[in-house]
Amino acid sequence: SEQMESLCSVGEGVEGRVQANGFEPGKKVFFTLSRVNHSCDPNCQVVVRGNIATLHACVPILPNTELTISYTDVLQASSTRQSDLSQFAFTCTCPPCLSRTDTDPPRTRLSHLFSLAPTLSFDTPEIPEEIHRLLVQENLKESFLWSDLYRFKYICEPDEEAAKRHLETALEYSLQGGGPESEQSRELIQLLEEF
């Protein structure tokens, strides 16, 4: 079949299947999680630690709703996402890809804003506010994006109590997306302990 020929172009046999279905780092294949479908507007995310992978819901999920993850960076332009996804032998037809003229500018803007993290200070509160507005506008639910947003709000907040609340919210999102053992959660816990 055409789909099988495309899959074989990734690599032959077991190597091709690992390449197509494996998770980074080290391209590990997990029997159930490697079968979760893609969406550029996912409702879950996968966290891999060593030989253990866990699926975390980004939002409350209703019964009979398909669980989806993103196989690519959701903040990239749809053409880049489609190019990244070509290795999986399908064309994404999720709402953000179908309405790319509406979603590409805000998503690429978000990517740029997240890249400004090293420049954040008390003098740049407009950056986390714009990130917040765009995350809501684009209906992006991945916990790591929201955790980063609240970490940015913490950096830009001159009021100590408000800064602490932002840090606590960042930790909540980090725990939801990666659990207490994730590097980001451990870092946020340490920052809170130093308050």
N, C-alpha and C. Protein backbone atom coordinates (compact mmCIF):
# COMPACT_ATOMS: atom_id res chain seq x y z
N SER A 1 0.83 -1.18 0.00
CA SER A 1 0.00 0.00 0.00
C SER A 1 0.87 1.25 0.00
N GLU A 2 0.27 2.39 -0.38
CA GLU A 2 1.00 3.65 -0.45
C GLU A 2 1.54 4.06 0.91
N GLN A 3 0.73 3.87 1.95
CA GLN A 3 1.18 4.25 3.29
C GLN A 3 2.36 3.39 3.72
N MET A 4 2.31 2.09 3.44
CA MET A 4 3.41 1.21 3.82
C MET A 4 4.68 1.58 3.07
N GLU A 5 4.57 1.95 1.79
CA GLU A 5 5.75 2.38 1.05
C GLU A 5 6.36 3.62 1.68
N SER A 6 5.51 4.56 2.11
CA SER A 6 6.01 5.77 2.76
C SER A 6 6.70 5.43 4.07
N LEU A 7 6.12 4.52 4.84
CA LEU A 7 6.75 4.13 6.10
C LEU A 7 8.11 3.49 5.86
N CYS A 8 8.20 2.70 4.81
CA CYS A 8 9.48 2.05 4.51
C CYS A 8 10.53 3.06 4.10
N SER A 9 10.10 4.24 3.59
CA SER A 9 11.09 5.24 3.22
C SER A 9 11.79 5.81 4.45
N VAL A 10 11.17 5.70 5.62
CA VAL A 10 11.80 6.13 6.87
C VAL A 10 12.95 5.20 7.19
N GLY A 11 12.80 3.94 6.92
CA GLY A 11 13.81 2.94 7.19
C GLY A 11 13.18 1.57 7.06
N GLU A 12 13.98 0.58 6.82
CA GLU A 12 13.45 -0.76 6.61
C GLU A 12 13.19 -1.48 7.93
N GLY A 13 12.18 -2.32 7.93
CA GLY A 13 11.90 -3.24 9.02
C GLY A 13 11.79 -2.59 10.38
N VAL A 14 12.43 -3.22 11.36
CA VAL A 14 12.37 -2.78 12.74
C VAL A 14 12.94 -1.36 12.87
N GLU A 15 14.02 -1.08 12.19
CA GLU A 15 14.63 0.25 12.27
C GLU A 15 13.65 1.34 11.83
N GLY A 16 12.92 1.08 10.76
CA GLY A 16 11.93 2.04 10.28
C GLY A 16 10.80 2.24 11.26
N ARG A 17 10.36 1.17 11.88
CA ARG A 17 9.28 1.28 12.87
C ARG A 17 9.74 2.04 14.11
N VAL A 18 10.96 1.79 14.56
CA VAL A 18 11.49 2.51 15.71
C VAL A 18 11.60 3.99 15.37
N GLN A 19 12.11 4.29 14.17
CA GLN A 19 12.25 5.69 13.74
C GLN A 19 10.89 6.38 13.69
N ALA A 20 9.88 5.69 13.18
CA ALA A 20 8.55 6.29 13.02
C ALA A 20 7.78 6.36 14.33
N ASN A 21 8.01 5.43 15.25
CA ASN A 21 7.18 5.35 16.45
C ASN A 21 7.91 5.62 17.76
N GLY A 22 9.20 5.88 17.69
CA GLY A 22 9.98 6.04 18.91
C GLY A 22 9.92 7.44 19.48
N PHE A 23 10.15 7.53 20.78
CA PHE A 23 10.19 8.81 21.48
C PHE A 23 11.63 9.14 21.81
N GLU A 24 11.94 10.42 21.77
CA GLU A 24 13.26 10.89 22.19
C GLU A 24 13.30 10.89 23.71
N PRO A 25 14.43 10.83 24.36
CA PRO A 25 15.74 10.63 23.77
C PRO A 25 16.00 9.16 23.47
N GLY A 26 16.78 8.89 22.48
CA GLY A 26 17.19 7.54 22.17
C GLY A 26 16.18 6.73 21.39
N LYS A 27 15.11 7.34 20.89
CA LYS A 27 14.10 6.66 20.08
C LYS A 27 13.62 5.37 20.74
N LYS A 28 12.94 5.52 21.87
CA LYS A 28 12.38 4.37 22.58
C LYS A 28 10.94 4.16 22.14
N VAL A 29 10.57 2.91 21.94
CA VAL A 29 9.22 2.55 21.52
C VAL A 29 8.49 1.96 22.73
N PHE A 30 7.31 2.46 22.98
CA PHE A 30 6.47 1.97 24.07
C PHE A 30 5.19 1.41 23.44
N PHE A 31 4.85 0.19 23.83
CA PHE A 31 3.78 -0.56 23.16
C PHE A 31 2.50 0.24 22.98
N THR A 32 2.01 0.89 24.01
CA THR A 32 0.75 1.63 23.91
C THR A 32 0.97 3.08 23.49
N LEU A 33 1.88 3.78 24.13
CA LEU A 33 2.06 5.20 23.86
C LEU A 33 2.54 5.48 22.44
N SER A 34 3.25 4.55 21.84
CA SER A 34 3.72 4.76 20.47
C SER A 34 2.57 4.69 19.47
N ARG A 35 1.40 4.35 19.92
CA ARG A 35 0.22 4.28 19.05
C ARG A 35 -0.70 5.51 19.18
N VAL A 36 -0.35 6.44 20.07
CA VAL A 36 -1.18 7.63 20.25
C VAL A 36 -1.03 8.53 19.03
N ASN A 37 -2.15 8.97 18.49
CA ASN A 37 -2.14 9.79 17.27
C ASN A 37 -1.71 11.22 17.54
N HIS A 38 -1.36 11.89 16.44
CA HIS A 38 -0.88 13.27 16.47
C HIS A 38 -2.01 14.27 16.30
N SER A 39 -1.84 15.44 16.91
CA SER A 39 -2.63 16.63 16.62
C SER A 39 -1.74 17.83 16.90
N CYS A 40 -1.88 18.88 16.10
CA CYS A 40 -1.16 20.13 16.39
C CYS A 40 -1.89 20.91 17.48
N ASP A 41 -2.98 20.36 17.97
CA ASP A 41 -3.74 20.89 19.09
C ASP A 41 -4.00 19.73 20.05
N PRO A 42 -2.92 19.15 20.63
CA PRO A 42 -3.06 17.92 21.42
C PRO A 42 -3.75 18.14 22.76
N ASN A 43 -4.34 17.05 23.26
CA ASN A 43 -4.94 17.13 24.60
C ASN A 43 -4.08 16.42 25.64
N CYS A 44 -2.95 15.83 25.21
CA CYS A 44 -2.03 15.13 26.12
C CYS A 44 -0.59 15.42 25.72
N GLN A 45 0.32 15.06 26.60
CA GLN A 45 1.74 15.10 26.27
C GLN A 45 2.42 13.90 26.92
N VAL A 46 3.49 13.44 26.30
CA VAL A 46 4.23 12.28 26.80
C VAL A 46 5.51 12.78 27.46
N VAL A 47 5.82 12.22 28.62
CA VAL A 47 7.07 12.51 29.30
C VAL A 47 7.83 11.19 29.41
N VAL A 48 9.06 11.19 28.90
CA VAL A 48 9.91 10.00 28.94
C VAL A 48 11.05 10.26 29.92
N ARG A 49 11.17 9.35 30.90
CA ARG A 49 12.29 9.39 31.84
C ARG A 49 12.89 8.00 31.90
N GLY A 50 14.08 7.88 31.37
CA GLY A 50 14.72 6.56 31.33
C GLY A 50 13.90 5.63 30.46
N ASN A 51 13.51 4.50 31.02
CA ASN A 51 12.72 3.51 30.28
C ASN A 51 11.24 3.59 30.61
N ILE A 52 10.82 4.70 31.21
CA ILE A 52 9.41 4.87 31.58
C ILE A 52 8.83 6.07 30.84
N ALA A 53 7.69 5.85 30.23
CA ALA A 53 6.97 6.94 29.56
C ALA A 53 5.60 7.06 30.19
N THR A 54 5.18 8.31 30.42
CA THR A 54 3.84 8.54 30.97
C THR A 54 3.11 9.53 30.09
N LEU A 55 1.82 9.31 29.98
CA LEU A 55 0.94 10.19 29.21
C LEU A 55 0.22 11.09 30.20
N HIS A 56 0.34 12.41 30.01
CA HIS A 56 -0.29 13.38 30.90
C HIS A 56 -1.34 14.16 30.14
N ALA A 57 -2.52 14.28 30.70
CA ALA A 57 -3.57 15.09 30.09
C ALA A 57 -3.24 16.56 30.27
N CYS A 58 -3.41 17.33 29.21
CA CYS A 58 -3.19 18.78 29.28
C CYS A 58 -4.46 19.50 29.71
N VAL A 59 -5.59 18.86 29.52
CA VAL A 59 -6.90 19.43 29.84
C VAL A 59 -7.79 18.30 30.33
N PRO A 60 -8.91 18.64 30.97
CA PRO A 60 -9.87 17.57 31.28
C PRO A 60 -10.36 16.95 29.97
N ILE A 61 -10.44 15.62 29.96
CA ILE A 61 -10.81 14.90 28.73
C ILE A 61 -12.11 14.15 28.97
N LEU A 62 -13.06 14.39 28.09
CA LEU A 62 -14.37 13.73 28.20
C LEU A 62 -14.26 12.28 27.76
N PRO A 63 -15.15 11.40 28.26
CA PRO A 63 -15.16 10.00 27.81
C PRO A 63 -15.31 9.93 26.28
N ASN A 64 -14.70 8.94 25.69
CA ASN A 64 -14.74 8.68 24.24
C ASN A 64 -14.04 9.74 23.40
N THR A 65 -13.24 10.60 24.02
CA THR A 65 -12.45 11.57 23.28
C THR A 65 -11.10 10.93 22.96
N GLU A 66 -10.67 11.04 21.72
CA GLU A 66 -9.37 10.48 21.34
C GLU A 66 -8.26 11.23 22.06
N LEU A 67 -7.30 10.48 22.60
CA LEU A 67 -6.12 11.06 23.21
C LEU A 67 -5.13 11.36 22.10
N THR A 68 -4.59 12.58 22.09
CA THR A 68 -3.63 12.95 21.05
C THR A 68 -2.43 13.64 21.68
N ILE A 69 -1.30 13.53 21.00
CA ILE A 69 -0.07 14.22 21.37
C ILE A 69 0.46 14.91 20.11
N SER A 70 1.39 15.79 20.28
CA SER A 70 2.00 16.41 19.10
C SER A 70 3.33 15.73 18.81
N TYR A 71 3.53 15.38 17.54
CA TYR A 71 4.79 14.77 17.12
C TYR A 71 5.81 15.83 16.74
N THR A 72 5.43 17.09 16.79
CA THR A 72 6.29 18.17 16.33
C THR A 72 6.09 19.39 17.22
N ASP A 73 6.85 20.43 16.98
CA ASP A 73 6.74 21.67 17.75
C ASP A 73 5.49 22.43 17.30
N VAL A 74 4.51 22.54 18.18
CA VAL A 74 3.24 23.17 17.81
C VAL A 74 3.37 24.66 17.56
N LEU A 75 4.49 25.27 17.91
CA LEU A 75 4.67 26.70 17.70
C LEU A 75 5.28 27.03 16.34
N GLN A 76 5.62 26.02 15.57
CA GLN A 76 6.17 26.26 14.24
C GLN A 76 5.04 26.55 13.25
N ALA A 77 5.39 27.14 12.12
CA ALA A 77 4.42 27.39 11.05
C ALA A 77 3.92 26.05 10.53
N SER A 78 2.70 26.03 10.02
CA SER A 78 2.10 24.77 9.55
C SER A 78 2.95 24.11 8.47
N SER A 79 3.59 24.88 7.60
CA SER A 79 4.43 24.27 6.56
C SER A 79 5.60 23.52 7.19
N THR A 80 6.18 24.07 8.25
CA THR A 80 7.28 23.39 8.95
C THR A 80 6.76 22.16 9.67
N ARG A 81 5.59 22.28 10.32
CA ARG A 81 5.01 21.11 10.99
C ARG A 81 4.72 20.01 9.98
N GLN A 82 4.14 20.36 8.84
CA GLN A 82 3.83 19.36 7.81
C GLN A 82 5.12 18.69 7.31
N SER A 83 6.16 19.48 7.12
CA SER A 83 7.44 18.92 6.68
C SER A 83 7.98 17.95 7.73
N ASP A 84 7.92 18.34 9.01
CA ASP A 84 8.38 17.46 10.10
C ASP A 84 7.56 16.17 10.14
N LEU A 85 6.26 16.29 9.87
CA LEU A 85 5.36 15.13 9.95
C LEU A 85 5.44 14.22 8.75
N SER A 86 6.05 14.67 7.67
CA SER A 86 6.12 13.84 6.46
C SER A 86 6.84 12.52 6.73
N GLN A 87 7.76 12.49 7.70
CA GLN A 87 8.45 11.25 8.04
C GLN A 87 7.50 10.18 8.60
N PHE A 88 6.32 10.61 9.05
CA PHE A 88 5.35 9.68 9.61
C PHE A 88 4.31 9.23 8.58
N ALA A 89 4.46 9.67 7.36
CA ALA A 89 3.63 9.22 6.24
C ALA A 89 2.17 9.63 6.35
N PHE A 90 1.93 10.86 6.82
CA PHE A 90 0.57 11.38 6.79
C PHE A 90 0.62 12.90 6.71
N THR A 91 -0.48 13.47 6.29
CA THR A 91 -0.65 14.92 6.27
C THR A 91 -1.63 15.28 7.37
N CYS A 92 -1.21 16.17 8.23
CA CYS A 92 -2.07 16.55 9.35
C CYS A 92 -3.22 17.42 8.84
N THR A 93 -4.41 17.08 9.31
CA THR A 93 -5.60 17.85 8.92
C THR A 93 -6.33 18.38 10.16
N CYS A 94 -5.58 18.64 11.23
CA CYS A 94 -6.18 19.20 12.43
C CYS A 94 -6.57 20.66 12.16
N PRO A 95 -7.45 21.22 12.97
CA PRO A 95 -7.89 22.61 12.74
C PRO A 95 -6.76 23.63 12.58
N PRO A 96 -5.69 23.61 13.40
CA PRO A 96 -4.63 24.61 13.17
C PRO A 96 -3.95 24.47 11.81
N CYS A 97 -3.85 23.25 11.28
CA CYS A 97 -3.23 23.07 9.96
C CYS A 97 -4.18 23.50 8.85
N LEU A 98 -5.46 23.23 9.03
CA LEU A 98 -6.43 23.61 8.01
C LEU A 98 -6.66 25.12 7.97
N SER A 99 -6.45 25.79 9.09
CA SER A 99 -6.65 27.25 9.13
C SER A 99 -5.31 27.96 9.33
N ARG A 100 -4.31 27.51 8.59
CA ARG A 100 -2.94 28.01 8.82
C ARG A 100 -2.80 29.52 8.64
N THR A 101 -3.60 30.14 7.77
CA THR A 101 -3.47 31.59 7.63
C THR A 101 -3.89 32.30 8.91
N ASP A 102 -4.75 31.65 9.69
CA ASP A 102 -5.16 32.23 10.97
C ASP A 102 -4.20 31.86 12.11
N THR A 103 -3.65 30.65 12.07
CA THR A 103 -2.86 30.17 13.21
C THR A 103 -1.35 30.36 13.05
N ASP A 104 -0.84 30.43 11.83
CA ASP A 104 0.61 30.56 11.68
C ASP A 104 1.19 31.84 12.29
N PRO A 105 0.62 33.01 12.01
CA PRO A 105 1.23 34.22 12.60
C PRO A 105 1.28 34.20 14.13
N PRO A 106 0.19 33.85 14.83
CA PRO A 106 0.32 33.85 16.30
C PRO A 106 1.26 32.77 16.82
N ARG A 107 1.29 31.62 16.19
CA ARG A 107 2.17 30.54 16.68
C ARG A 107 3.64 30.87 16.45
N THR A 108 3.96 31.43 15.31
CA THR A 108 5.37 31.81 15.08
C THR A 108 5.74 32.99 15.97
N ARG A 109 4.79 33.87 16.27
CA ARG A 109 5.04 34.95 17.21
C ARG A 109 5.32 34.38 18.61
N LEU A 110 4.55 33.39 19.01
CA LEU A 110 4.79 32.74 20.30
C LEU A 110 6.19 32.14 20.35
N SER A 111 6.58 31.47 19.29
CA SER A 111 7.92 30.87 19.25
C SER A 111 8.98 31.95 19.46
N HIS A 112 8.80 33.07 18.80
CA HIS A 112 9.75 34.18 18.95
C HIS A 112 9.74 34.71 20.39
N LEU A 113 8.54 34.91 20.95
CA LEU A 113 8.45 35.43 22.32
C LEU A 113 9.10 34.50 23.33
N PHE A 114 8.90 33.18 23.16
CA PHE A 114 9.54 32.23 24.08
C PHE A 114 11.06 32.29 23.95
N SER A 115 11.55 32.62 22.76
CA SER A 115 13.01 32.70 22.57
C SER A 115 13.60 33.91 23.28
N LEU A 116 12.77 34.86 23.70
CA LEU A 116 13.25 36.06 24.38
C LEU A 116 13.48 35.84 25.88
N ALA A 117 13.28 34.64 26.37
CA ALA A 117 13.40 34.36 27.81
C ALA A 117 14.65 34.94 28.45
N PRO A 118 15.83 34.81 27.83
CA PRO A 118 17.03 35.35 28.50
C PRO A 118 17.01 36.87 28.69
N THR A 119 16.14 37.58 27.97
CA THR A 119 16.13 39.04 28.06
C THR A 119 15.07 39.57 29.01
N LEU A 120 14.29 38.69 29.64
CA LEU A 120 13.18 39.13 30.49
C LEU A 120 13.68 39.79 31.77
N SER A 121 12.92 40.82 32.17
CA SER A 121 13.23 41.52 33.43
C SER A 121 11.98 42.25 33.88
N PHE A 122 12.12 43.02 34.98
CA PHE A 122 11.00 43.82 35.46
C PHE A 122 10.53 44.80 34.39
N ASP A 123 11.43 45.16 33.47
CA ASP A 123 11.11 46.16 32.44
C ASP A 123 10.38 45.57 31.24
N THR A 124 10.11 44.26 31.24
CA THR A 124 9.49 43.64 30.07
C THR A 124 8.22 42.86 30.40
N PRO A 125 7.31 43.42 31.21
CA PRO A 125 6.10 42.68 31.58
C PRO A 125 5.16 42.44 30.40
N GLU A 126 5.33 43.19 29.33
CA GLU A 126 4.45 43.02 28.17
C GLU A 126 4.70 41.70 27.45
N ILE A 127 5.89 41.12 27.59
CA ILE A 127 6.18 39.86 26.89
C ILE A 127 5.35 38.71 27.46
N PRO A 128 5.37 38.45 28.79
CA PRO A 128 4.52 37.37 29.29
C PRO A 128 3.03 37.65 29.07
N GLU A 129 2.64 38.91 29.10
CA GLU A 129 1.22 39.22 28.86
C GLU A 129 0.82 38.88 27.43
N GLU A 130 1.70 39.17 26.48
CA GLU A 130 1.41 38.81 25.08
C GLU A 130 1.42 37.29 24.90
N ILE A 131 2.36 36.60 25.54
CA ILE A 131 2.38 35.14 25.48
C ILE A 131 1.06 34.58 26.02
N HIS A 132 0.61 35.09 27.14
CA HIS A 132 -0.63 34.63 27.74
C HIS A 132 -1.80 34.81 26.78
N ARG A 133 -1.90 35.99 26.20
CA ARG A 133 -2.99 36.29 25.25
C ARG A 133 -2.96 35.33 24.07
N LEU A 134 -1.77 35.08 23.52
CA LEU A 134 -1.66 34.21 22.34
C LEU A 134 -1.91 32.74 22.67
N LEU A 135 -1.48 32.28 23.85
CA LEU A 135 -1.76 30.90 24.25
C LEU A 135 -3.26 30.67 24.35
N VAL A 136 -3.96 31.64 24.92
CA VAL A 136 -5.41 31.54 25.03
C VAL A 136 -6.05 31.61 23.65
N GLN A 137 -5.62 32.57 22.84
CA GLN A 137 -6.16 32.74 21.49
C GLN A 137 -6.01 31.46 20.66
N GLU A 138 -4.84 30.83 20.77
CA GLU A 138 -4.55 29.64 19.98
C GLU A 138 -5.04 28.35 20.65
N ASN A 139 -5.59 28.47 21.85
CA ASN A 139 -6.11 27.33 22.59
C ASN A 139 -5.02 26.26 22.81
N LEU A 140 -3.80 26.72 23.04
CA LEU A 140 -2.69 25.79 23.28
C LEU A 140 -2.72 25.38 24.75
N LYS A 141 -2.67 24.06 24.98
CA LYS A 141 -2.91 23.54 26.32
C LYS A 141 -1.71 22.84 26.95
N GLU A 142 -0.63 22.67 26.20
CA GLU A 142 0.50 21.92 26.75
C GLU A 142 1.02 22.57 28.02
N SER A 143 1.12 21.76 29.07
CA SER A 143 1.51 22.26 30.39
C SER A 143 2.86 22.96 30.38
N PHE A 144 3.80 22.45 29.58
CA PHE A 144 5.13 23.04 29.61
C PHE A 144 5.10 24.48 29.09
N LEU A 145 4.21 24.79 28.14
CA LEU A 145 4.09 26.16 27.65
C LEU A 145 3.56 27.07 28.76
N TRP A 146 2.54 26.60 29.48
CA TRP A 146 1.95 27.40 30.55
C TRP A 146 2.92 27.52 31.73
N SER A 147 3.67 26.47 32.01
CA SER A 147 4.66 26.55 33.08
C SER A 147 5.71 27.60 32.73
N ASP A 148 6.19 27.58 31.48
CA ASP A 148 7.17 28.59 31.06
C ASP A 148 6.58 30.00 31.15
N LEU A 149 5.31 30.14 30.73
CA LEU A 149 4.67 31.45 30.80
C LEU A 149 4.70 31.99 32.23
N TYR A 150 4.30 31.16 33.20
CA TYR A 150 4.26 31.65 34.58
C TYR A 150 5.65 31.84 35.17
N ARG A 151 6.61 31.10 34.67
CA ARG A 151 7.99 31.37 35.09
C ARG A 151 8.42 32.74 34.57
N PHE A 152 8.01 33.06 33.33
CA PHE A 152 8.32 34.38 32.77
C PHE A 152 7.62 35.49 33.56
N LYS A 153 6.36 35.24 33.96
CA LYS A 153 5.64 36.23 34.76
C LYS A 153 6.37 36.45 36.09
N TYR A 154 6.88 35.36 36.66
CA TYR A 154 7.66 35.45 37.91
C TYR A 154 8.87 36.35 37.71
N ILE A 155 9.59 36.16 36.61
CA ILE A 155 10.80 36.95 36.35
C ILE A 155 10.46 38.43 36.19
N CYS A 156 9.33 38.73 35.57
CA CYS A 156 8.96 40.12 35.25
C CYS A 156 8.17 40.82 36.36
N GLU A 157 7.83 40.11 37.41
CA GLU A 157 6.97 40.66 38.46
C GLU A 157 7.78 41.33 39.56
N PRO A 158 7.61 42.65 39.76
CA PRO A 158 8.36 43.32 40.83
C PRO A 158 7.80 43.06 42.23
N ASP A 159 6.51 42.74 42.33
CA ASP A 159 5.90 42.49 43.64
C ASP A 159 6.24 41.06 44.09
N GLU A 160 6.87 40.94 45.26
CA GLU A 160 7.36 39.64 45.72
C GLU A 160 6.25 38.60 45.91
N GLU A 161 5.13 39.00 46.50
CA GLU A 161 4.03 38.05 46.72
C GLU A 161 3.43 37.57 45.39
N ALA A 162 3.23 38.50 44.46
CA ALA A 162 2.71 38.13 43.14
C ALA A 162 3.71 37.23 42.42
N ALA A 163 5.00 37.53 42.55
CA ALA A 163 6.03 36.71 41.92
C ALA A 163 5.98 35.29 42.46
N LYS A 164 5.80 35.15 43.77
CA LYS A 164 5.71 33.82 44.38
C LYS A 164 4.49 33.06 43.86
N ARG A 165 3.35 33.75 43.71
CA ARG A 165 2.14 33.10 43.16
C ARG A 165 2.39 32.63 41.73
N HIS A 166 3.10 33.43 40.93
CA HIS A 166 3.42 33.02 39.55
C HIS A 166 4.30 31.76 39.56
N LEU A 167 5.25 31.73 40.47
CA LEU A 167 6.14 30.57 40.58
C LEU A 167 5.36 29.33 41.00
N GLU A 168 4.43 29.48 41.94
CA GLU A 168 3.59 28.36 42.37
C GLU A 168 2.73 27.84 41.21
N THR A 169 2.20 28.76 40.41
CA THR A 169 1.40 28.35 39.25
C THR A 169 2.27 27.65 38.22
N ALA A 170 3.48 28.16 38.00
CA ALA A 170 4.42 27.50 37.08
C ALA A 170 4.68 26.07 37.54
N LEU A 171 4.87 25.88 38.85
CA LEU A 171 5.10 24.55 39.40
C LEU A 171 3.89 23.64 39.19
N GLU A 172 2.68 24.16 39.42
CA GLU A 172 1.48 23.35 39.19
C GLU A 172 1.44 22.81 37.76
N TYR A 173 1.70 23.68 36.78
CA TYR A 173 1.70 23.23 35.39
C TYR A 173 2.83 22.25 35.12
N SER A 174 3.99 22.50 35.72
CA SER A 174 5.12 21.59 35.51
C SER A 174 4.83 20.22 36.10
N LEU A 175 4.22 20.18 37.28
CA LEU A 175 3.87 18.90 37.91
C LEU A 175 2.83 18.16 37.06
N GLN A 176 1.88 18.90 36.50
CA GLN A 176 0.86 18.29 35.64
C GLN A 176 1.51 17.67 34.40
N GLY A 177 2.45 18.38 33.82
CA GLY A 177 3.03 17.91 32.57
C GLY A 177 4.18 16.96 32.71
N GLY A 178 4.94 17.06 33.79
CA GLY A 178 6.13 16.24 33.89
C GLY A 178 6.33 15.53 35.20
N GLY A 179 5.47 15.82 36.17
CA GLY A 179 5.61 15.18 37.47
C GLY A 179 6.69 15.82 38.31
N PRO A 180 6.83 15.37 39.57
CA PRO A 180 7.78 15.99 40.50
C PRO A 180 9.24 15.70 40.18
N GLU A 181 9.50 14.69 39.38
CA GLU A 181 10.89 14.33 39.08
C GLU A 181 11.44 15.03 37.85
N SER A 182 10.60 15.78 37.13
CA SER A 182 11.11 16.46 35.94
C SER A 182 12.10 17.53 36.35
N GLU A 183 13.04 17.81 35.48
CA GLU A 183 14.06 18.81 35.77
C GLU A 183 13.42 20.17 36.05
N GLN A 184 12.41 20.52 35.26
CA GLN A 184 11.74 21.80 35.44
C GLN A 184 11.05 21.87 36.80
N SER A 185 10.35 20.80 37.20
CA SER A 185 9.68 20.80 38.51
C SER A 185 10.69 20.92 39.64
N ARG A 186 11.79 20.18 39.55
CA ARG A 186 12.80 20.26 40.61
C ARG A 186 13.37 21.67 40.73
N GLU A 187 13.60 22.30 39.58
CA GLU A 187 14.13 23.67 39.58
C GLU A 187 13.14 24.64 40.22
N LEU A 188 11.85 24.49 39.86
CA LEU A 188 10.83 25.38 40.42
C LEU A 188 10.65 25.15 41.92
N ILE A 189 10.72 23.91 42.37
CA ILE A 189 10.62 23.60 43.79
C ILE A 189 11.77 24.26 44.54
N GLN A 190 12.96 24.20 43.97
CA GLN A 190 14.11 24.83 44.61
C GLN A 190 13.93 26.35 44.69
N LEU A 191 13.44 26.96 43.62
CA LEU A 191 13.20 28.41 43.66
C LEU A 191 12.19 28.78 44.74
N LEU A 192 11.14 27.97 44.87
CA LEU A 192 10.12 28.25 45.90
C LEU A 192 10.69 28.07 47.30
N GLU A 193 11.55 27.08 47.48
CA GLU A 193 12.17 26.86 48.80
C GLU A 193 13.05 28.04 49.19
N GLU A 194 13.62 28.72 48.20
CA GLU A 194 14.49 29.86 48.48
C GLU A 194 13.72 31.14 48.79
N PHE A 195 12.39 31.13 48.59
CA PHE A 195 11.58 32.32 48.87
C PHE A 195 11.53 32.60 50.35
